[in-house]
């Protein structure tokens, strides 16, 4: 593990050094003082990601915390695209193709792409999915469910942003709200500092608000996360099953970060297969188990579909369903790309989304 960390960090520093050297050459005419200032700022940004994790449990003001996280994580994407495009220009030079002001052009393209990605992230979509389930309820045969995942509350997704998300959910007037994990980002500290339970307390639905832990609930500290969630209307399902008044059964699996979590087969024995079964499982692995357990609808998150291109290509190959809807035998599976995101505040080639399920059951 240490070797892998050293390898990744060395690669990261190497790409930064590559872009830095190209930039210094392109702007070699800068006077000495501005050049030194730019160099210092460059390496402050480059090393910001390490500082962010080192001080992740330190409480900053919302503005300072937002600025630190945006710079530290946004720099990762900036360097990625700069390196990719500059290497492409170097490749062209092997064929004696030269682009005037190449670095400046690459810089402009990268900044424009990031601005687009930021705008796209800030304007999440609402995906509407109509599903017919061949089981009956004890009451009405239609249920409207709003599913959200990967909100990552902290400095980047602050109280102001959370307020917009809550309004987005409540305008749908759902019968049931489900949260597929990663409500909290890297620490509970900024969530408590901003009193985000006040906004979460505005979430309500006749059938309730339910969520499962994600890997970031464990990263932030599972016990502090549980204690915070208990101060909101959200009911945390951690390897447990609940039956709603209309007969819908919700299985809430603990996250894979807990190596001792129950198997889906064990949890399924606590359900009545004659009535609908809804599964909340943060990470969408082992979908054949979902079918075998008789689950009617699984809602997951976690993948973000990579957040940015071309990482989305990787997640599409890692997961059977990296985003969106799939019917697998009699099971309906939906993997959300996330309402918010982790780290870099950009959506490039992917969407931020909220899912609205219009469920119809047989008479």
Protein backbone atom coordinates (compact mmCIF):
# COMPACT_ATOMS: atom_id res chain seq x y z
CA UNK A 1 0.00 0.00 0.00
CA UNK A 2 2.84 2.41 0.86
CA UNK A 3 4.57 1.58 -2.43
CA UNK A 4 1.38 2.34 -4.39
CA UNK A 5 0.94 5.65 -2.55
CA UNK A 6 4.55 6.66 -3.27
CA UNK A 7 4.13 5.66 -6.92
CA UNK A 8 0.93 7.69 -7.36
CA UNK A 9 2.33 10.72 -5.53
CA UNK A 10 5.53 10.58 -7.60
CA UNK A 11 3.48 10.42 -10.80
CA UNK A 12 1.40 13.39 -9.62
CA UNK A 13 4.49 15.46 -8.82
CA UNK A 14 6.00 14.46 -12.16
CA UNK A 15 2.99 15.67 -14.15
CA UNK A 16 3.01 18.94 -12.22
CA UNK A 17 6.72 19.40 -12.95
CA UNK A 18 6.08 18.68 -16.64
CA UNK A 19 3.32 21.31 -16.90
CA UNK A 20 5.36 23.77 -14.81
CA UNK A 21 8.41 23.48 -17.07
CA UNK A 22 6.26 23.95 -20.18
CA UNK A 23 4.59 26.99 -18.63
CA UNK A 24 7.87 28.60 -17.57
CA UNK A 25 9.18 28.21 -21.09
CA UNK A 26 5.99 29.64 -22.64
CA UNK A 27 6.01 32.65 -20.31
CA UNK A 28 9.77 33.11 -20.13
CA UNK A 29 9.38 36.80 -20.97
CA UNK A 30 7.63 37.51 -17.68
CA UNK A 31 9.56 39.85 -15.36
CA UNK A 32 11.34 38.09 -12.50
CA UNK A 33 8.98 39.09 -9.67
CA UNK A 34 5.68 38.07 -11.37
CA UNK A 35 7.38 34.87 -12.53
CA UNK A 36 8.38 33.95 -8.97
CA UNK A 37 4.86 34.73 -7.71
CA UNK A 38 3.30 32.52 -10.40
CA UNK A 39 5.74 29.71 -9.58
CA UNK A 40 4.93 29.89 -5.86
CA UNK A 41 1.18 29.90 -6.51
CA UNK A 42 1.55 26.96 -8.88
CA UNK A 43 3.21 24.76 -6.28
CA UNK A 44 0.87 25.86 -3.50
CA UNK A 45 -2.00 24.63 -5.65
CA UNK A 46 -0.11 21.47 -6.56
CA UNK A 47 0.52 20.53 -2.91
CA UNK A 48 -2.95 21.60 -1.78
CA UNK A 49 -4.46 18.13 -2.10
CA UNK A 50 -2.07 16.76 0.52
CA UNK A 51 -2.80 19.63 2.88
CA UNK A 52 -6.55 19.13 2.42
CA UNK A 53 -6.41 15.53 3.65
CA UNK A 54 -3.89 16.33 6.38
CA UNK A 55 -6.21 18.96 7.88
CA UNK A 56 -9.55 17.37 6.96
CA UNK A 57 -10.76 17.35 10.59
CA UNK A 58 -9.75 20.98 11.18
CA UNK A 59 -12.75 23.32 11.21
CA UNK A 60 -12.47 26.18 8.74
CA UNK A 61 -15.00 28.88 7.98
CA UNK A 62 -17.40 27.85 5.16
CA UNK A 63 -15.78 30.29 2.72
CA UNK A 64 -12.21 29.25 3.54
CA UNK A 65 -13.12 25.56 3.50
CA UNK A 66 -14.85 25.89 0.12
CA UNK A 67 -11.88 27.75 -1.36
CA UNK A 68 -9.34 25.22 -0.06
CA UNK A 69 -11.29 22.24 -1.36
CA UNK A 70 -12.02 23.77 -4.75
CA UNK A 71 -8.36 24.71 -5.31
CA UNK A 72 -6.92 21.45 -3.99
CA UNK A 73 -9.24 19.08 -5.84
CA UNK A 74 -9.83 21.27 -8.90
CA UNK A 75 -6.08 21.35 -9.47
CA UNK A 76 -6.11 17.58 -10.00
CA UNK A 77 -8.38 17.94 -13.03
CA UNK A 78 -6.55 21.03 -14.27
CA UNK A 79 -3.22 19.17 -14.28
CA UNK A 80 -4.80 16.08 -15.82
CA UNK A 81 -6.16 17.94 -18.86
CA UNK A 82 -3.09 20.16 -19.19
CA UNK A 83 -0.80 17.12 -19.19
CA UNK A 84 -2.98 15.22 -21.66
CA UNK A 85 -3.14 18.11 -24.13
CA UNK A 86 0.53 19.08 -23.81
CA UNK A 87 1.60 15.48 -24.43
CA UNK A 88 -0.59 15.53 -27.53
CA UNK A 89 1.26 18.62 -28.76
CA UNK A 90 4.59 16.91 -28.10
CA UNK A 91 3.37 13.94 -30.11
CA UNK A 92 2.48 16.24 -33.01
CA UNK A 93 6.00 17.64 -32.95
CA UNK A 94 7.34 14.17 -33.73
CA UNK A 95 5.53 14.54 -37.05
CA UNK A 96 6.86 18.08 -37.47
CA UNK A 97 3.48 19.69 -36.68
CA UNK A 98 3.85 22.80 -34.53
CA UNK A 99 1.06 24.87 -33.00
CA UNK A 100 1.93 28.54 -32.39
CA UNK A 101 1.39 29.56 -28.79
CA UNK A 102 0.67 25.90 -27.99
CA UNK A 103 0.81 26.25 -24.20
CA UNK A 104 -1.48 29.27 -24.23
CA UNK A 105 -3.99 27.45 -26.46
CA UNK A 106 -3.92 24.39 -24.19
CA UNK A 107 -4.38 26.61 -21.14
CA UNK A 108 -7.38 28.34 -22.71
CA UNK A 109 -9.00 25.03 -23.72
CA UNK A 110 -8.46 23.58 -20.25
CA UNK A 111 -9.91 26.61 -18.44
CA UNK A 112 -12.93 26.69 -20.79
CA UNK A 113 -13.53 22.97 -20.18
CA UNK A 114 -13.38 23.41 -16.42
CA UNK A 115 -15.79 26.35 -16.52
CA UNK A 116 -18.21 24.23 -18.52
CA UNK A 117 -17.75 21.34 -16.07
CA UNK A 118 -18.46 23.59 -13.10
CA UNK A 119 -21.63 24.97 -14.68
CA UNK A 120 -22.78 21.44 -15.56
CA UNK A 121 -22.17 20.26 -11.99
CA UNK A 122 -24.20 23.14 -10.57
CA UNK A 123 -27.24 22.27 -12.71
CA UNK A 124 -28.25 18.71 -11.83
CA UNK A 125 -30.81 16.86 -13.92
CA UNK A 126 -33.97 15.10 -12.81
CA UNK A 127 -34.22 11.61 -14.27
CA UNK A 128 -37.75 10.16 -14.32
CA UNK A 129 -38.04 6.37 -14.40
CA UNK A 130 -41.40 4.62 -14.74
CA UNK A 131 -41.37 1.07 -13.39
CA UNK A 132 -44.09 -1.56 -13.16
CA UNK A 133 -43.59 -4.12 -10.37
CA UNK A 134 -45.57 -7.32 -10.57
CA UNK A 135 -46.51 -7.35 -6.90
CA UNK A 136 -49.33 -5.69 -5.00
CA UNK A 137 -49.42 -3.30 -2.07
CA UNK A 138 -51.80 -3.22 0.86
CA UNK A 139 -52.95 0.31 -0.08
CA UNK A 140 -52.55 2.53 -3.17
CA UNK A 141 -50.92 0.87 -6.17
CA UNK A 142 -48.77 3.83 -7.19
CA UNK A 143 -45.83 5.28 -5.25
CA UNK A 144 -43.56 8.18 -6.13
CA UNK A 145 -40.02 7.70 -4.84
CA UNK A 146 -37.23 10.28 -5.00
CA UNK A 147 -33.77 8.75 -4.92
CA UNK A 148 -30.62 10.77 -4.25
CA UNK A 149 -27.08 9.67 -3.57
CA UNK A 150 -23.54 10.97 -3.06
CA UNK A 151 -24.37 14.41 -1.70
CA UNK A 152 -20.97 14.60 0.04
CA UNK A 153 -21.83 17.31 2.55
CA UNK A 154 -18.84 19.31 3.73
CA UNK A 155 -17.05 22.39 2.50
CA UNK A 156 -17.72 21.94 -1.23
CA UNK A 157 -21.35 20.91 -0.82
CA UNK A 158 -22.11 23.50 1.82
CA UNK A 159 -25.31 24.51 3.58
CA UNK A 160 -26.34 26.85 0.79
CA UNK A 161 -25.97 24.12 -1.82
CA UNK A 162 -27.77 21.63 0.42
CA UNK A 163 -30.72 24.03 0.66
CA UNK A 164 -31.07 23.94 -3.13
CA UNK A 165 -30.94 20.15 -3.14
CA UNK A 166 -33.63 19.90 -0.44
CA UNK A 167 -35.87 22.26 -2.41
CA UNK A 168 -35.26 20.18 -5.53
CA UNK A 169 -36.37 17.03 -3.71
CA UNK A 170 -39.40 18.53 -1.99
CA UNK A 171 -40.83 20.15 -5.13
CA UNK A 172 -41.50 16.60 -6.37
CA UNK A 173 -43.79 15.92 -3.39
CA UNK A 174 -42.52 12.34 -3.04
CA UNK A 175 -44.26 9.55 -1.14
CA UNK A 176 -40.87 8.17 -0.15
CA UNK A 177 -37.31 9.54 -0.13
CA UNK A 178 -34.30 7.23 -0.34
CA UNK A 179 -30.63 8.18 0.00
CA UNK A 180 -28.05 5.77 -1.40
CA UNK A 181 -25.12 6.65 0.87
CA UNK A 182 -22.25 9.17 1.01
CA UNK A 183 -24.43 11.86 2.54
CA UNK A 184 -21.28 13.14 4.28
CA UNK A 185 -17.96 13.80 2.56
CA UNK A 186 -14.67 13.41 4.46
CA UNK A 187 -15.54 14.69 7.93
CA UNK A 188 -18.55 15.46 10.10
CA UNK A 189 -16.78 18.58 11.46
CA UNK A 190 -17.78 21.05 8.67
CA UNK A 191 -21.28 19.55 8.55
CA UNK A 192 -21.82 20.27 12.22
CA UNK A 193 -20.12 23.66 12.02
CA UNK A 194 -22.65 24.74 9.39
CA UNK A 195 -25.57 23.13 11.27
CA UNK A 196 -26.66 21.24 8.17
CA UNK A 197 -29.15 19.23 10.19
CA UNK A 198 -31.37 22.31 9.93
CA UNK A 199 -31.69 21.88 6.15
CA UNK A 200 -31.95 18.09 6.31
CA UNK A 201 -34.80 18.46 8.77
CA UNK A 202 -36.88 19.94 5.95
CA UNK A 203 -36.89 16.59 4.15
CA UNK A 204 -40.20 14.81 4.64
CA UNK A 205 -42.38 12.22 2.91
CA UNK A 206 -45.51 10.31 4.01
CA UNK A 207 -43.64 6.98 3.89
CA UNK A 208 -40.43 8.38 5.40
CA UNK A 209 -36.82 9.19 4.53
CA UNK A 210 -34.36 6.29 4.53
CA UNK A 211 -30.66 5.96 3.77
CA UNK A 212 -27.77 3.52 3.98
CA UNK A 213 -24.13 4.21 4.82
CA UNK A 214 -21.64 4.77 2.01
CA UNK A 215 -17.89 4.42 2.11
CA UNK A 216 -17.59 8.11 2.97
CA UNK A 217 -19.64 7.65 6.13
CA UNK A 218 -16.79 5.35 7.17
CA UNK A 219 -14.10 7.73 5.94
CA UNK A 220 -15.67 10.54 7.97
CA UNK A 221 -16.07 8.23 10.99
CA UNK A 222 -19.08 5.92 11.07
CA UNK A 223 -20.03 6.63 14.69
CA UNK A 224 -19.98 10.45 14.38
CA UNK A 225 -21.92 10.05 11.12
CA UNK A 226 -24.57 7.88 12.81
CA UNK A 227 -24.91 10.39 15.65
CA UNK A 228 -25.35 13.27 13.20
CA UNK A 229 -27.92 11.47 11.05
CA UNK A 230 -29.89 10.63 14.21
CA UNK A 231 -30.48 14.39 14.65
CA UNK A 232 -32.37 14.53 11.33
CA UNK A 233 -35.59 12.90 10.04
CA UNK A 234 -33.45 10.44 8.08
CA UNK A 235 -33.69 6.81 9.22
CA UNK A 236 -30.38 5.02 8.74
CA UNK A 237 -30.67 1.39 7.69
CA UNK A 238 -27.48 -0.48 8.49
CA UNK A 239 -27.92 -4.16 7.68
CA UNK A 240 -31.58 -3.92 8.57
CA UNK A 241 -35.01 -4.29 7.00
CA UNK A 242 -38.07 -2.09 7.43
CA UNK A 243 -41.63 -2.69 6.22
CA UNK A 244 -43.63 0.40 5.27
CA UNK A 245 -47.37 0.75 6.01
CA UNK A 246 -48.25 0.01 2.36
CA UNK A 247 -46.24 -3.25 2.34
CA UNK A 248 -43.02 -2.09 0.63
CA UNK A 249 -40.01 -3.68 2.29
CA UNK A 250 -36.71 -1.78 2.28
CA UNK A 251 -33.46 -3.67 2.74
CA UNK A 252 -30.67 -1.34 3.82
CA UNK A 253 -27.23 -2.89 3.44
CA UNK A 254 -24.20 -1.65 5.29
CA UNK A 255 -21.35 -0.52 3.05
CA UNK A 256 -18.57 -2.79 1.81
CA UNK A 257 -16.21 -0.83 4.07
CA UNK A 258 -17.59 -3.04 6.84
CA UNK A 259 -16.06 -6.47 6.14
CA UNK A 260 -18.50 -8.03 8.61
CA UNK A 261 -21.69 -6.76 7.00
CA UNK A 262 -24.50 -9.23 6.45
CA UNK A 263 -24.92 -10.91 3.10
CA UNK A 264 -27.85 -9.94 0.93
CA UNK A 265 -29.10 -13.50 1.21
CA UNK A 266 -29.23 -13.18 5.01
CA UNK A 267 -31.11 -9.89 4.82
CA UNK A 268 -33.54 -11.22 2.22
CA UNK A 269 -34.70 -13.93 4.65
CA UNK A 270 -36.24 -11.12 6.72
CA UNK A 271 -38.58 -10.13 3.86
CA UNK A 272 -41.85 -11.51 2.52
CA UNK A 273 -41.37 -12.27 -1.19
CA UNK A 274 -45.09 -11.73 -1.82
CA UNK A 275 -44.61 -7.99 -1.30
CA UNK A 276 -42.27 -5.54 -3.08
CA UNK A 277 -38.64 -5.47 -1.97
CA UNK A 278 -36.53 -2.33 -2.41
CA UNK A 279 -32.77 -2.62 -1.84
CA UNK A 280 -30.50 0.27 -0.87
CA UNK A 281 -26.86 -0.69 -1.37
CA UNK A 282 -24.31 2.08 -1.88
CA UNK A 283 -21.86 0.21 -4.12
CA UNK A 284 -23.44 -1.62 -7.09
CA UNK A 285 -21.46 -4.85 -7.07
CA UNK A 286 -22.65 -8.47 -7.46
CA UNK A 287 -25.93 -7.72 -9.21
CA UNK A 288 -26.61 -11.43 -9.71
CA UNK A 289 -27.12 -11.61 -5.94
CA UNK A 290 -29.79 -8.93 -6.27
CA UNK A 291 -31.73 -11.11 -8.70
CA UNK A 292 -31.28 -14.25 -6.57
CA UNK A 293 -32.56 -12.40 -3.49
CA UNK A 294 -35.82 -11.50 -5.25
CA UNK A 295 -35.21 -7.75 -5.10
CA UNK A 296 -37.67 -5.74 -7.18
CA UNK A 297 -35.76 -2.44 -7.24
CA UNK A 298 -32.17 -1.73 -6.25
CA UNK A 299 -30.97 1.84 -5.80
CA UNK A 300 -27.22 2.50 -5.61
CA UNK A 301 -24.70 5.29 -6.13
CA UNK A 302 -20.97 5.44 -5.50
CA UNK A 303 -19.68 5.37 -9.08
CA UNK A 304 -20.35 9.04 -9.98
CA UNK A 305 -19.73 7.55 -13.41
CA UNK A 306 -16.20 8.82 -12.94
CA UNK A 307 -17.35 12.49 -12.79
CA UNK A 308 -15.06 13.53 -15.65
CA UNK A 309 -14.12 12.15 -19.05
CA UNK A 310 -12.27 9.86 -19.69
CA UNK A 311 -12.55 8.38 -16.16
CA UNK A 312 -16.15 7.59 -17.11
CA UNK A 313 -14.78 5.01 -19.56
CA UNK A 314 -13.09 3.24 -16.66
CA UNK A 315 -16.20 3.09 -14.45
CA UNK A 316 -18.25 1.84 -17.41
CA UNK A 317 -15.91 -1.16 -17.54
CA UNK A 318 -15.54 -1.69 -13.79
CA UNK A 319 -19.26 -1.93 -13.08
CA UNK A 320 -21.97 -3.95 -14.77
CA UNK A 321 -24.13 -0.84 -14.35
CA UNK A 322 -22.05 2.30 -13.82
CA UNK A 323 -25.03 4.62 -14.16
CA UNK A 324 -28.67 4.62 -15.10
CA UNK A 325 -31.31 1.91 -15.39
CA UNK A 326 -31.10 -1.78 -16.21
CA UNK A 327 -33.63 -4.58 -15.91
CA UNK A 328 -31.95 -7.82 -14.94
CA UNK A 329 -34.41 -10.72 -15.02
CA UNK A 330 -37.22 -9.57 -12.72
CA UNK A 331 -35.08 -7.02 -10.85
CA UNK A 332 -34.96 -3.33 -11.73
CA UNK A 333 -31.58 -1.72 -10.99
CA UNK A 334 -30.76 1.98 -10.94
CA UNK A 335 -27.31 3.41 -10.26
CA UNK A 336 -27.28 7.15 -9.66
CA UNK A 337 -24.36 9.27 -10.83
CA UNK A 338 -24.89 11.34 -7.68
CA UNK A 339 -26.66 14.56 -6.86
CA UNK A 340 -23.39 16.24 -5.93
CA UNK A 341 -19.87 14.84 -6.14
CA UNK A 342 -16.56 14.19 -4.39
CA UNK A 343 -13.54 16.37 -4.84
CA UNK A 344 -13.18 18.35 -8.08
CA UNK A 345 -16.26 20.55 -8.68
CA UNK A 346 -16.68 19.51 -12.31
CA UNK A 347 -18.98 17.30 -14.37
CA UNK A 348 -17.40 16.69 -17.76
CA UNK A 349 -19.15 14.03 -19.82
CA UNK A 350 -21.32 12.97 -16.86
CA UNK A 351 -24.35 14.40 -15.05
CA UNK A 352 -25.32 15.32 -11.53
CA UNK A 353 -28.79 13.92 -11.02
CA UNK A 354 -31.80 13.18 -8.88
CA UNK A 355 -33.90 10.12 -9.73
CA UNK A 356 -37.69 10.12 -9.56
CA UNK A 357 -39.27 6.65 -9.66
CA UNK A 358 -42.93 6.38 -10.54
CA UNK A 359 -43.68 2.89 -9.27
CA UNK A 360 -46.83 1.10 -10.33
CA UNK A 361 -47.90 -2.14 -8.66
CA UNK A 362 -50.43 -4.67 -9.86
CA UNK A 363 -53.96 -4.48 -8.49
